[in-house]
Amino acid sequence: MITFDQVTVQYEDTAEPALREVDLTVEEGELCLVVGHTGVGKSTLLGAVNGLVPHFTGGTLYGRVTVDGRDTAHHPPRELADVVGVVGQDPLDGFVTDTVEEELAYAMEQLATPPAVMRKRVEETLDLLGLAELRHRALHELSGGQQQRVAIGSVLTAHPRVLVLDEPTSALDPTAADEVLAAVTRLVHDLGVTVLMAEHRLERVVQYADRVIHLPGDGRAVHGTPAAVLRDSSIAPPLVDLARAAGWDPLPLSVRDARRAAAPLRTRLAGAVPEPVRPAPAADAATLLTARGVTVSYHGVPAVREVALALRAGEITALMGRNGSGKSSLLWALQGSGPRKAGTVRVGTGGAGHDPHTLSAAQARQLVGLVPQTPADLLYLESVEQELTQADRESAATDTGSRARTVLDRLAPGIEDAVHPRDLSEGQKLALVLAIQLAATPDVLLLDEPTRGLDYRAKAELTRIVAALAAEGRSVVISTHDVEFVARTADRVVVMAEGDIVADGPTTEVIVASPVFAPQTAKILAPLPFLTVDQVTAALDAPKDGGPA
């Protein structure tokens, strides 16, 4: 169905090709997973399938890419639209109509599909993806998982034989991600659709893949069965890392298979006490922010209901919950920029101090910093130097030199002043926005979905950054769906549902007890209280006579 024949892609402004002599074939009805660190060429590989590369991205394509017999070099995307459907990371960016039913019909309208056929395909797609009850709903009212299914359905009505998905679960909570992946696997198994999917959160998708294409970063593409490729790859989900540490063979790819192999490991770890993920904040740590009765509503519909929350110095809090549970609304209310119908927020030791909502934007930033879901929304100048200078100016920095530059060099060294912010990697953009916010030296820092679009290596770096901020005595709150990141990073987990806080406690207690938010290591080794592979390896390496580390 998809064939790459000695494909090399070279962009004008790069010394090395993004892809180098790639030879591979994806058969009809396969779910093929594309993996690799950020910047290794995954987007180039996906774009070559529907003709975006090189027709829109520029550069030179050597070799031949064929999809269902069509050479993409001679067929631009519009001539492949009936064969290849593409769904990007953010479904809202691709929507062009107002309601579910209209969006499903739009692609067929562009292809001049007869009305009778359009109606039939819309009904079939509504049933196939479980969207029938939502047909008249406005797209902006849907949850993240529902929006992603509509985005898939909008390209599916054209009956493409190939579906290209770019991080389809990156913005979804675990339950919504399962819904989307169930729909995708149904397309593969029941309809024979060929799916090419790039995804950073491998723990969610690897068990469904028939084939894995690993881009190690030198332009090559290593491909084969998931077990064969992931055994030695530089990127792997926690389950595979645990299997490597335990020496399991064959390599399990699902929690179910791993639990079957883990009985001897659970026996070896019985009685061992896991090392803390990070040092706990002091019991007498000062309270930096106190919220009481915070209520937020939109058009009369409550998003946050009388929430009470206290944030302590040196503490990293993960804010979790399904899409639409009120996490972002709560963060913006705490920062002071968002609407608040009722309640109080005080920033200062012991609950005394100012309410950010009553202060100017510059003054509020000095108390509480907030990094939104898309950090690039805060970047609007022409160079990194201009962004840092503006941050210092707005923060009234009086130190010698640039306070923002000092923070950036600590978070992500090596970023040059002249670089345009939009040319930075996702991890570098996040570091730049953190530096801009931290230039105001707030005691409380709020991060909304900071791991979206980050690979495992970048998330490990973010964990280090957040831990360093907490060590300075700041309180950090991270709203996220990434349970593996939470397991490695957070001291405390707060879970929201329908605007209420339904759980609040130490990370181990909250997420181990949850079948939805538990990380893979916890699911495999339950009832043992291990959250990460590092905790397991530390316990295995501990001297027998000295007890577990």
Protein backbone atom coordinates (compact mmCIF):
# COMPACT_ATOMS: atom_id res chain seq x y z
CA MET A 1 0.00 0.00 0.00
CA ILE A 2 2.84 2.41 0.91
CA THR A 3 6.31 1.96 -0.57
CA PHE A 4 9.48 3.97 0.04
CA ASP A 5 12.12 3.13 -2.58
CA GLN A 6 15.57 4.56 -1.75
CA VAL A 7 13.99 7.78 -0.45
CA THR A 8 16.20 10.65 0.63
CA VAL A 9 14.84 14.08 1.61
CA GLN A 10 17.24 17.01 1.78
CA TYR A 11 16.22 20.50 2.91
CA GLU A 12 18.22 23.51 1.72
CA ASP A 13 19.08 24.85 5.18
CA THR A 14 20.34 21.56 6.65
CA ALA A 15 23.71 19.88 6.27
CA GLU A 16 22.36 16.36 6.60
CA PRO A 17 19.25 14.85 4.96
CA ALA A 18 16.12 14.41 7.06
CA LEU A 19 15.66 10.94 5.53
CA ARG A 20 18.46 8.90 4.00
CA GLU A 21 17.95 6.00 1.56
CA VAL A 22 14.78 4.76 3.24
CA ASP A 23 13.49 1.43 1.91
CA LEU A 24 10.28 0.05 3.41
CA THR A 25 6.83 -1.24 2.56
CA VAL A 26 3.66 -0.90 4.65
CA GLU A 27 1.10 -3.52 3.68
CA GLU A 28 -2.64 -3.00 3.36
CA GLY A 29 -4.46 -3.21 6.69
CA GLU A 30 -1.37 -2.64 8.85
CA LEU A 31 -1.14 -0.30 11.81
CA CYS A 32 2.38 1.07 11.52
CA LEU A 33 3.85 3.08 14.39
CA VAL A 34 6.53 5.71 13.65
CA VAL A 35 8.80 6.39 16.64
CA GLY A 36 11.85 8.52 17.35
CA HIS A 37 13.03 11.53 19.29
CA THR A 38 11.88 15.03 18.40
CA GLY A 39 13.50 16.35 15.21
CA VAL A 40 14.58 13.02 13.69
CA GLY A 41 12.32 13.23 10.62
CA LYS A 42 8.97 11.71 11.69
CA SER A 43 6.98 14.61 10.24
CA THR A 44 8.99 14.39 7.01
CA LEU A 45 8.21 10.68 6.73
CA LEU A 46 4.50 11.26 7.30
CA GLY A 47 4.43 14.24 4.94
CA ALA A 48 6.01 12.21 2.14
CA VAL A 49 3.03 9.84 2.21
CA ASN A 50 0.42 12.45 1.25
CA GLY A 51 2.66 14.66 -0.89
CA LEU A 52 3.20 17.52 1.55
CA VAL A 53 6.87 16.63 1.14
CA PRO A 54 8.15 18.12 -1.09
CA HIS A 55 5.19 19.96 -2.69
CA PHE A 56 4.55 22.27 0.30
CA THR A 57 7.55 21.89 2.59
CA GLY A 58 10.19 22.47 -0.08
CA GLY A 59 13.43 20.55 -0.18
CA THR A 60 14.39 17.82 -2.62
CA LEU A 61 13.00 14.29 -2.63
CA TYR A 62 15.19 11.61 -4.16
CA GLY A 63 13.89 8.12 -4.81
CA ARG A 64 10.22 7.22 -5.04
CA VAL A 65 7.23 7.15 -2.67
CA THR A 66 4.13 5.38 -3.95
CA VAL A 67 0.74 5.14 -2.25
CA ASP A 68 -1.78 2.76 -3.75
CA GLY A 69 0.26 2.89 -6.96
CA ARG A 70 0.46 6.70 -7.15
CA ASP A 71 3.84 8.40 -7.14
CA THR A 72 3.59 11.27 -4.64
CA ALA A 73 6.24 13.27 -6.52
CA HIS A 74 3.78 13.60 -9.41
CA HIS A 75 0.60 13.87 -7.31
CA PRO A 76 0.22 16.84 -4.93
CA PRO A 77 -1.92 16.41 -1.78
CA ARG A 78 -5.16 17.44 -3.50
CA GLU A 79 -4.76 14.52 -5.94
CA LEU A 80 -4.16 12.09 -3.08
CA ALA A 81 -7.05 13.24 -0.88
CA ASP A 82 -9.27 10.33 -1.94
CA VAL A 83 -6.54 7.84 -0.98
CA VAL A 84 -4.80 9.40 2.04
CA GLY A 85 -6.55 10.99 5.02
CA VAL A 86 -4.44 13.09 7.38
CA VAL A 87 -5.30 14.03 10.99
CA GLY A 88 -2.98 16.46 12.80
CA GLN A 89 -2.12 16.83 16.47
CA ASP A 90 -4.85 19.37 17.25
CA PRO A 91 -8.23 18.46 15.73
CA LEU A 92 -9.62 21.96 16.30
CA ASP A 93 -7.00 23.35 13.92
CA GLY A 94 -8.43 21.25 11.12
CA PHE A 95 -12.14 21.86 11.65
CA VAL A 96 -13.81 24.13 9.10
CA THR A 97 -17.51 23.81 10.04
CA ASP A 98 -19.59 24.18 13.21
CA THR A 99 -21.23 20.82 13.93
CA VAL A 100 -20.26 17.15 13.88
CA GLU A 101 -22.51 16.25 10.95
CA GLU A 102 -21.34 19.19 8.84
CA GLU A 103 -17.68 18.36 9.50
CA LEU A 104 -18.15 14.74 8.44
CA ALA A 105 -19.71 15.89 5.16
CA TYR A 106 -17.20 18.63 4.31
CA ALA A 107 -14.46 16.49 2.72
CA MET A 108 -17.01 14.76 0.48
CA GLU A 109 -18.36 18.12 -0.64
CA GLN A 110 -14.86 19.07 -1.82
CA LEU A 111 -14.65 15.79 -3.75
CA ALA A 112 -18.07 16.39 -5.39
CA THR A 113 -19.54 13.22 -3.89
CA PRO A 114 -23.23 12.78 -4.82
CA PRO A 115 -25.65 13.83 -2.00
CA ALA A 116 -27.18 10.38 -1.61
CA VAL A 117 -23.73 8.83 -1.17
CA MET A 118 -22.73 11.58 1.25
CA ARG A 119 -25.74 10.92 3.50
CA LYS A 120 -25.06 7.19 3.55
CA ARG A 121 -21.36 7.63 4.41
CA VAL A 122 -22.10 10.14 7.16
CA GLU A 123 -24.48 7.69 8.81
CA GLU A 124 -21.99 4.85 8.48
CA THR A 125 -19.19 6.94 10.00
CA LEU A 126 -21.37 8.12 12.88
CA ASP A 127 -22.07 4.49 13.78
CA LEU A 128 -18.52 3.28 13.18
CA LEU A 129 -16.95 5.84 15.52
CA GLY A 130 -19.75 6.01 18.10
CA LEU A 131 -20.72 9.58 17.25
CA ALA A 132 -24.42 9.20 16.43
CA GLU A 133 -25.61 10.91 19.61
CA LEU A 134 -23.32 13.87 18.89
CA ARG A 135 -24.32 14.54 15.29
CA HIS A 136 -25.90 17.95 15.96
CA ARG A 137 -23.45 19.06 18.67
CA ALA A 138 -21.17 22.06 18.17
CA LEU A 139 -17.56 20.98 17.69
CA HIS A 140 -16.20 23.35 20.34
CA GLU A 141 -18.50 21.76 22.94
CA LEU A 142 -17.02 18.28 22.53
CA SER A 143 -14.43 16.66 24.76
CA GLY A 144 -10.92 16.10 23.43
CA GLY A 145 -11.57 12.44 22.67
CA GLN A 146 -14.81 13.24 20.86
CA GLN A 147 -13.08 15.93 18.80
CA GLN A 148 -10.33 13.51 17.82
CA ARG A 149 -12.88 10.91 16.69
CA VAL A 150 -14.71 13.57 14.64
CA ALA A 151 -11.39 14.58 13.03
CA ILE A 152 -10.76 10.96 12.06
CA GLY A 153 -14.33 10.61 10.80
CA SER A 154 -14.05 13.78 8.71
CA VAL A 155 -11.31 12.20 6.58
CA LEU A 156 -12.80 8.72 6.76
CA THR A 157 -15.98 9.67 4.89
CA ALA A 158 -13.88 10.10 1.74
CA HIS A 159 -13.08 6.38 2.07
CA PRO A 160 -9.29 6.76 2.07
CA ARG A 161 -7.28 3.56 2.03
CA VAL A 162 -4.52 5.14 4.14
CA LEU A 163 -4.89 7.12 7.37
CA VAL A 164 -1.97 9.25 8.63
CA LEU A 165 -2.21 10.26 12.29
CA ASP A 166 0.22 12.70 13.93
CA GLU A 167 0.16 12.17 17.71
CA PRO A 168 -3.57 11.44 17.94
CA THR A 169 -3.54 10.97 21.74
CA SER A 170 -1.15 13.77 22.78
CA ALA A 171 -3.87 16.03 24.22
CA LEU A 172 -6.15 13.30 25.57
CA ASP A 173 -6.74 11.84 29.00
CA PRO A 174 -6.16 8.06 29.30
CA THR A 175 -9.83 7.14 28.85
CA ALA A 176 -10.30 9.38 25.79
CA ALA A 177 -7.06 8.03 24.32
CA ASP A 178 -8.37 4.48 24.70
CA GLU A 179 -11.57 5.49 22.86
CA VAL A 180 -9.62 6.93 19.93
CA LEU A 181 -7.25 3.95 19.71
CA ALA A 182 -10.20 1.54 19.85
CA ALA A 183 -11.73 3.36 16.88
CA VAL A 184 -8.43 3.26 14.97
CA THR A 185 -7.87 -0.45 15.55
CA ARG A 186 -11.43 -1.13 14.43
CA LEU A 187 -10.69 0.63 11.14
CA VAL A 188 -7.61 -1.54 10.69
CA HIS A 189 -9.16 -4.87 11.65
CA ASP A 190 -12.65 -4.49 10.19
CA LEU A 191 -12.14 -2.25 7.15
CA GLY A 192 -8.55 -2.99 6.17
CA VAL A 193 -7.49 0.66 6.43
CA THR A 194 -3.71 1.16 6.50
CA VAL A 195 -2.74 3.43 9.40
CA LEU A 196 0.58 5.26 9.74
CA MET A 197 0.78 6.80 13.21
CA ALA A 198 3.46 8.94 14.88
CA GLU A 199 3.18 9.02 18.66
CA HIS A 200 5.48 9.96 21.55
CA ARG A 201 3.44 8.19 24.24
CA LEU A 202 4.37 4.69 23.21
CA GLU A 203 2.93 3.18 26.38
CA ARG A 204 -0.51 3.89 24.93
CA VAL A 205 -0.14 2.53 21.41
CA VAL A 206 2.66 0.00 21.00
CA GLN A 207 0.48 -2.98 21.87
CA TYR A 208 -1.77 -2.24 18.89
CA ALA A 209 0.99 -1.90 16.28
CA ASP A 210 1.71 -4.49 13.58
CA ARG A 211 4.95 -2.79 12.56
CA VAL A 212 7.28 -0.14 14.01
CA ILE A 213 9.42 2.29 12.04
CA HIS A 214 12.19 3.68 14.25
CA LEU A 215 14.08 6.77 13.12
CA PRO A 216 17.32 6.77 15.15
CA GLY A 217 18.30 10.28 14.07
CA ASP A 218 20.81 9.73 11.28
CA GLY A 219 18.23 9.71 8.48
CA ARG A 220 17.86 5.94 8.40
CA ALA A 221 14.64 4.07 9.12
CA VAL A 222 14.79 0.80 11.06
CA HIS A 223 11.60 -1.19 10.72
CA GLY A 224 10.17 -4.54 11.73
CA THR A 225 7.87 -6.11 14.31
CA PRO A 226 7.41 -4.08 17.51
CA ALA A 227 9.26 -6.58 19.68
CA ALA A 228 12.22 -6.79 17.30
CA VAL A 229 12.61 -3.04 16.87
CA LEU A 230 11.97 -1.93 20.45
CA ARG A 231 14.30 -4.44 22.07
CA ASP A 232 17.35 -2.35 21.11
CA SER A 233 15.84 1.02 20.17
CA SER A 234 16.88 4.26 21.88
CA ILE A 235 13.25 5.05 22.63
CA ALA A 236 10.82 2.70 24.36
CA PRO A 237 7.84 2.78 26.74
CA PRO A 238 8.35 2.02 30.47
CA LEU A 239 7.02 -1.50 29.97
CA VAL A 240 9.85 -2.31 27.57
CA ASP A 241 12.43 -0.65 29.83
CA LEU A 242 11.20 -2.84 32.69
CA ALA A 243 11.37 -5.93 30.48
CA ARG A 244 14.95 -5.09 29.52
CA ALA A 245 15.92 -4.61 33.19
CA ALA A 246 14.29 -7.90 34.16
CA GLY A 247 15.65 -9.81 31.15
CA TRP A 248 12.27 -11.00 29.91
CA ASP A 249 12.19 -12.94 26.65
CA PRO A 250 10.04 -12.75 24.58
CA LEU A 251 9.59 -9.01 25.01
CA PRO A 252 6.04 -8.23 26.27
CA LEU A 253 4.21 -5.31 24.64
CA SER A 254 1.07 -5.16 26.81
CA VAL A 255 0.51 -4.90 30.55
CA ARG A 256 -1.31 -8.23 30.44
CA ASP A 257 1.67 -10.06 28.93
CA ALA A 258 4.08 -8.26 31.25
CA ARG A 259 2.12 -9.27 34.36
CA ARG A 260 2.34 -12.89 33.28
CA ALA A 261 6.12 -12.59 33.03
CA ALA A 262 6.49 -10.54 36.22
CA ALA A 263 5.65 -13.12 38.89
CA PRO A 264 9.34 -13.94 39.67
CA LEU A 265 10.16 -10.22 39.72
CA ARG A 266 7.36 -9.49 42.17
CA THR A 267 8.72 -12.24 44.39
CA ARG A 268 12.22 -10.71 44.31
CA LEU A 269 10.84 -7.26 45.14
CA ALA A 270 8.50 -8.42 47.94
CA GLY A 271 9.22 -6.42 51.07
CA ALA A 272 11.37 -3.86 49.27
CA VAL A 273 10.57 -0.21 49.91
CA PRO A 274 10.84 1.93 46.74
CA GLU A 275 13.14 4.92 46.85
CA PRO A 276 11.18 8.19 46.77
CA VAL A 277 10.99 9.69 43.29
CA ARG A 278 12.33 12.91 44.81
CA PRO A 279 12.87 14.25 48.32
CA ALA A 280 9.56 15.21 49.93
CA PRO A 281 9.05 18.86 50.87
CA ALA A 282 9.62 19.68 54.51
CA ALA A 283 6.67 19.02 56.79
CA ASP A 284 6.77 22.65 57.96
CA ALA A 285 7.11 24.10 54.44
CA ALA A 286 5.39 27.46 54.07
CA THR A 287 2.08 27.71 52.28
CA LEU A 288 2.59 29.96 49.27
CA LEU A 289 -0.94 30.01 47.82
CA THR A 290 -4.30 29.46 49.46
CA ALA A 291 -7.53 29.17 47.46
CA ARG A 292 -10.96 28.90 49.07
CA GLY A 293 -14.32 28.42 47.38
CA VAL A 294 -12.99 29.12 43.86
CA THR A 295 -15.84 28.90 41.36
CA VAL A 296 -15.62 29.43 37.61
CA SER A 297 -18.51 29.29 35.14
CA TYR A 298 -18.99 29.96 31.44
CA HIS A 299 -22.41 31.06 30.17
CA GLY A 300 -23.97 29.82 33.38
CA VAL A 301 -22.32 26.37 33.18
CA PRO A 302 -19.97 25.68 36.12
CA ALA A 303 -16.43 24.61 35.19
CA VAL A 304 -14.92 24.80 38.71
CA ARG A 305 -17.05 24.30 41.82
CA GLU A 306 -16.00 25.81 45.17
CA VAL A 307 -12.46 24.41 45.03
CA ALA A 308 -10.19 24.76 48.06
CA LEU A 309 -6.46 24.26 47.55
CA ALA A 310 -3.23 25.04 49.40
CA LEU A 311 0.17 24.98 47.66
CA ARG A 312 3.36 24.62 49.68
CA ALA A 313 6.94 25.68 49.02
CA GLY A 314 9.12 23.00 47.43
CA GLU A 315 6.13 20.90 46.36
CA ILE A 316 5.37 19.57 42.87
CA THR A 317 1.65 18.99 42.40
CA ALA A 318 0.14 17.14 39.42
CA LEU A 319 -3.37 18.23 38.47
CA MET A 320 -5.14 15.39 36.69
CA GLY A 321 -8.60 14.52 35.38
CA ARG A 322 -10.40 13.81 32.14
CA ASN A 323 -10.66 16.41 29.37
CA GLY A 324 -13.16 19.07 30.42
CA SER A 325 -12.88 18.44 34.16
CA GLY A 326 -11.90 22.05 34.89
CA LYS A 327 -8.11 21.83 35.21
CA SER A 328 -7.21 24.71 32.89
CA SER A 329 -10.02 26.89 34.25
CA LEU A 330 -8.69 26.37 37.77
CA LEU A 331 -5.12 27.26 36.74
CA TRP A 332 -6.17 30.51 35.07
CA ALA A 333 -8.34 31.40 38.08
CA LEU A 334 -5.38 30.83 40.43
CA GLN A 335 -3.12 32.97 38.23
CA GLY A 336 -5.67 35.79 38.20
CA SER A 337 -6.10 36.21 34.44
CA GLY A 338 -9.08 33.89 34.13
CA PRO A 339 -12.67 34.51 35.20
CA ARG A 340 -13.70 33.74 38.75
CA LYS A 341 -17.33 33.83 39.82
CA ALA A 342 -16.66 33.36 43.52
CA GLY A 343 -13.97 32.47 46.02
CA THR A 344 -10.65 33.90 47.14
CA VAL A 345 -7.01 33.34 46.19
CA ARG A 346 -4.20 34.62 48.36
CA VAL A 347 -0.52 34.39 47.44
CA GLY A 348 1.81 34.76 50.38
CA THR A 349 3.14 32.83 53.35
CA GLY A 350 0.43 31.39 55.53
CA GLY A 351 -2.42 32.43 53.27
CA ALA A 352 -1.83 36.14 53.77
CA GLY A 353 -0.97 38.34 50.84
CA HIS A 354 -2.40 39.56 47.56
CA ASP A 355 -5.12 38.22 45.28
CA PRO A 356 -3.60 38.09 41.75
CA HIS A 357 -7.03 38.78 40.26
CA THR A 358 -7.01 42.29 41.71
CA LEU A 359 -3.56 43.19 40.40
CA SER A 360 -2.22 44.29 37.03
CA ALA A 361 -0.93 41.59 34.69
CA ALA A 362 2.70 42.51 35.44
CA GLN A 363 2.12 42.44 39.20
CA ALA A 364 0.24 39.13 39.00
CA ARG A 365 3.14 37.56 37.08
CA GLN A 366 5.44 38.37 39.98
CA LEU A 367 3.23 36.25 42.24
CA VAL A 368 2.06 33.43 39.97
CA GLY A 369 3.51 32.44 36.58
CA LEU A 370 1.49 30.40 34.10
CA VAL A 371 2.69 28.56 30.99
CA PRO A 372 -0.30 27.73 28.73
CA GLN A 373 -0.88 24.49 26.78
CA THR A 374 0.81 25.98 23.71
CA PRO A 375 3.83 27.91 25.05
CA ALA A 376 4.44 29.47 21.63
CA ASP A 377 1.30 31.60 22.19
CA LEU A 378 3.44 33.77 24.48
CA LEU A 379 6.22 34.21 21.90
CA TYR A 380 5.61 37.13 19.54
CA LEU A 381 8.97 38.83 18.92
CA GLU A 382 11.57 38.20 16.21
CA SER A 383 14.43 36.70 18.21
CA VAL A 384 15.22 34.95 21.46
CA GLU A 385 17.17 38.03 22.59
CA GLN A 386 14.17 40.30 22.06
CA GLU A 387 11.92 37.93 24.03
CA LEU A 388 14.37 37.80 26.94
CA THR A 389 14.92 41.59 26.95
CA GLN A 390 11.17 42.20 26.95
CA ALA A 391 10.74 39.76 29.85
CA ASP A 392 13.37 41.61 31.88
CA ARG A 393 11.75 44.95 31.07
CA GLU A 394 8.28 43.78 32.10
CA SER A 395 9.65 42.21 35.27
CA ALA A 396 11.53 45.40 36.18
CA ALA A 397 14.72 43.42 36.61
CA THR A 398 17.46 45.53 38.18
CA ASP A 399 20.14 42.86 38.34
CA THR A 400 23.32 43.23 36.32
CA GLY A 401 22.81 41.39 33.04
CA SER A 402 19.69 39.60 31.87
CA ARG A 403 17.80 37.70 34.52
CA ALA A 404 15.77 35.88 31.85
CA ARG A 405 18.92 34.86 29.93
CA THR A 406 20.44 33.48 33.14
CA VAL A 407 17.36 31.33 33.71
CA LEU A 408 17.28 30.16 30.08
CA ASP A 409 20.94 29.15 30.15
CA ARG A 410 20.23 27.08 33.23
CA LEU A 411 17.17 25.40 31.69
CA ALA A 412 18.38 24.93 28.10
CA PRO A 413 21.98 26.01 27.51
CA GLY A 414 23.22 26.81 24.01
CA ILE A 415 20.23 28.70 22.54
CA GLU A 416 21.62 31.65 20.56
CA ASP A 417 20.22 35.17 20.85
CA ALA A 418 19.59 35.60 17.11
CA VAL A 419 17.43 32.48 16.69
CA HIS A 420 13.76 33.09 15.90
CA PRO A 421 11.59 31.61 18.68
CA ARG A 422 9.43 29.76 16.15
CA ASP A 423 12.53 27.89 14.92
CA LEU A 424 13.16 26.31 18.33
CA SER A 425 12.20 22.73 19.18
CA GLU A 426 9.14 22.20 21.38
CA GLY A 427 11.35 21.58 24.39
CA GLN A 428 13.37 24.75 23.71
CA LYS A 429 10.19 26.82 23.28
CA LEU A 430 8.97 25.55 26.62
CA ALA A 431 12.31 26.43 28.25
CA LEU A 432 12.18 29.94 26.73
CA VAL A 433 8.65 30.57 28.01
CA LEU A 434 9.65 29.25 31.43
CA ALA A 435 12.57 31.67 31.45
CA ILE A 436 10.24 34.55 30.50
CA GLN A 437 7.83 33.67 33.31
CA LEU A 438 10.57 33.02 35.86
CA ALA A 439 12.22 36.37 35.14
CA ALA A 440 9.47 37.82 37.34
CA THR A 441 10.61 35.42 40.13
CA PRO A 442 7.12 34.12 41.04
CA ASP A 443 6.88 31.78 44.01
CA VAL A 444 4.14 29.75 42.32
CA LEU A 445 4.47 28.35 38.78
CA LEU A 446 1.56 26.74 36.91
CA LEU A 447 2.19 24.56 33.82
CA ASP A 448 -0.72 23.52 31.61
CA GLU A 449 0.01 20.31 29.65
CA PRO A 450 3.77 20.97 29.36
CA THR A 451 4.61 17.47 28.04
CA ARG A 452 2.42 17.73 24.96
CA GLY A 453 4.61 17.06 21.93
CA LEU A 454 7.67 16.12 24.01
CA ASP A 455 9.51 12.82 23.64
CA TYR A 456 10.80 10.74 26.57
CA ARG A 457 14.18 12.46 26.57
CA ALA A 458 12.66 15.94 26.61
CA LYS A 459 10.27 14.93 29.40
CA ALA A 460 13.18 13.67 31.49
CA GLU A 461 14.80 17.09 31.05
CA LEU A 462 11.55 18.79 32.06
CA THR A 463 11.47 16.64 35.20
CA ARG A 464 14.96 17.89 36.07
CA ILE A 465 13.94 21.50 35.46
CA VAL A 466 10.80 21.24 37.58
CA ALA A 467 12.69 19.52 40.40
CA ALA A 468 15.28 22.33 40.37
CA LEU A 469 12.51 24.95 40.61
CA ALA A 470 10.97 23.13 43.57
CA ALA A 471 14.39 22.89 45.23
CA GLU A 472 14.57 26.70 45.05
CA GLY A 473 11.47 26.83 47.25
CA ARG A 474 8.85 27.41 44.58
CA SER A 475 5.54 25.58 44.37
CA VAL A 476 4.94 24.00 40.93
CA VAL A 477 1.57 22.78 39.65
CA ILE A 478 1.48 20.69 36.46
CA SER A 479 -1.81 19.99 34.72
CA THR A 480 -1.28 16.85 32.65
CA HIS A 481 -2.70 13.62 31.26
CA ASP A 482 0.75 12.03 31.18
CA VAL A 483 0.65 9.45 33.96
CA GLU A 484 4.24 8.30 33.36
CA PHE A 485 5.52 11.87 33.73
CA VAL A 486 3.52 12.28 36.94
CA ALA A 487 4.98 9.07 38.36
CA ARG A 488 8.52 10.39 37.82
CA THR A 489 7.97 14.00 38.82
CA ALA A 490 5.16 14.78 41.28
CA ASP A 491 5.03 14.66 45.08
CA ARG A 492 1.29 15.16 45.18
CA VAL A 493 -1.64 14.44 42.86
CA VAL A 494 -4.92 16.34 42.74
CA VAL A 495 -7.66 14.76 40.61
CA MET A 496 -10.59 16.80 39.29
CA ALA A 497 -13.95 15.67 37.89
CA GLU A 498 -16.75 17.96 36.72
CA GLY A 499 -15.14 20.94 38.43
CA ASP A 500 -14.66 19.27 41.81
CA ILE A 501 -11.55 17.90 43.50
CA VAL A 502 -12.22 14.19 44.01
CA ALA A 503 -8.78 13.08 45.21
CA ASP A 504 -5.83 14.85 46.79
CA GLY A 505 -2.81 13.12 48.29
CA PRO A 506 0.71 11.74 47.83
CA THR A 507 1.43 10.51 44.32
CA THR A 508 1.88 6.87 45.31
CA GLU A 509 -1.42 6.72 47.19
CA VAL A 510 -3.52 8.44 44.53
CA ILE A 511 -2.31 6.96 41.24
CA VAL A 512 -1.54 3.41 42.35
CA ALA A 513 -5.14 3.07 43.53
CA SER A 514 -6.49 4.28 40.16
CA PRO A 515 -6.93 1.87 37.24
CA VAL A 516 -6.97 4.88 34.89
CA PHE A 517 -4.06 6.99 36.19
CA ALA A 518 -1.69 4.21 37.30
CA PRO A 519 1.59 4.08 35.32
CA GLN A 520 2.64 0.90 33.54
CA THR A 521 5.14 -0.16 36.20
CA ALA A 522 2.49 0.09 38.92
CA LYS A 523 0.02 -1.96 36.87
CA ILE A 524 2.57 -4.67 36.16
CA LEU A 525 3.90 -4.98 39.73
CA ALA A 526 0.67 -4.36 41.68
CA PRO A 527 0.11 -4.66 44.60
CA LEU A 528 3.75 -3.62 45.13
CA PRO A 529 4.07 0.20 45.45
CA PHE A 530 6.54 0.77 42.59
CA LEU A 531 5.85 3.63 40.16
CA THR A 532 8.92 3.79 37.92
CA VAL A 533 11.50 1.51 36.34
CA ASP A 534 14.25 3.46 38.15
CA GLN A 535 12.72 2.49 41.49
CA VAL A 536 12.70 -1.16 40.44
CA THR A 537 16.32 -1.19 39.26
CA ALA A 538 17.44 0.60 42.43
CA ALA A 539 15.72 -2.05 44.56
CA LEU A 540 17.25 -4.87 42.51
CA ASP A 541 20.74 -3.35 42.81
CA ALA A 542 20.47 -2.77 46.57
CA PRO A 543 22.78 -4.97 48.66
CA LYS A 544 20.92 -7.91 50.19
CA ASP A 545 22.39 -7.50 53.66
CA GLY A 546 21.68 -3.80 53.79
CA GLY A 547 18.08 -4.00 52.73
CA PRO A 548 16.48 -2.16 49.86
CA ALA A 549 17.79 1.27 48.97
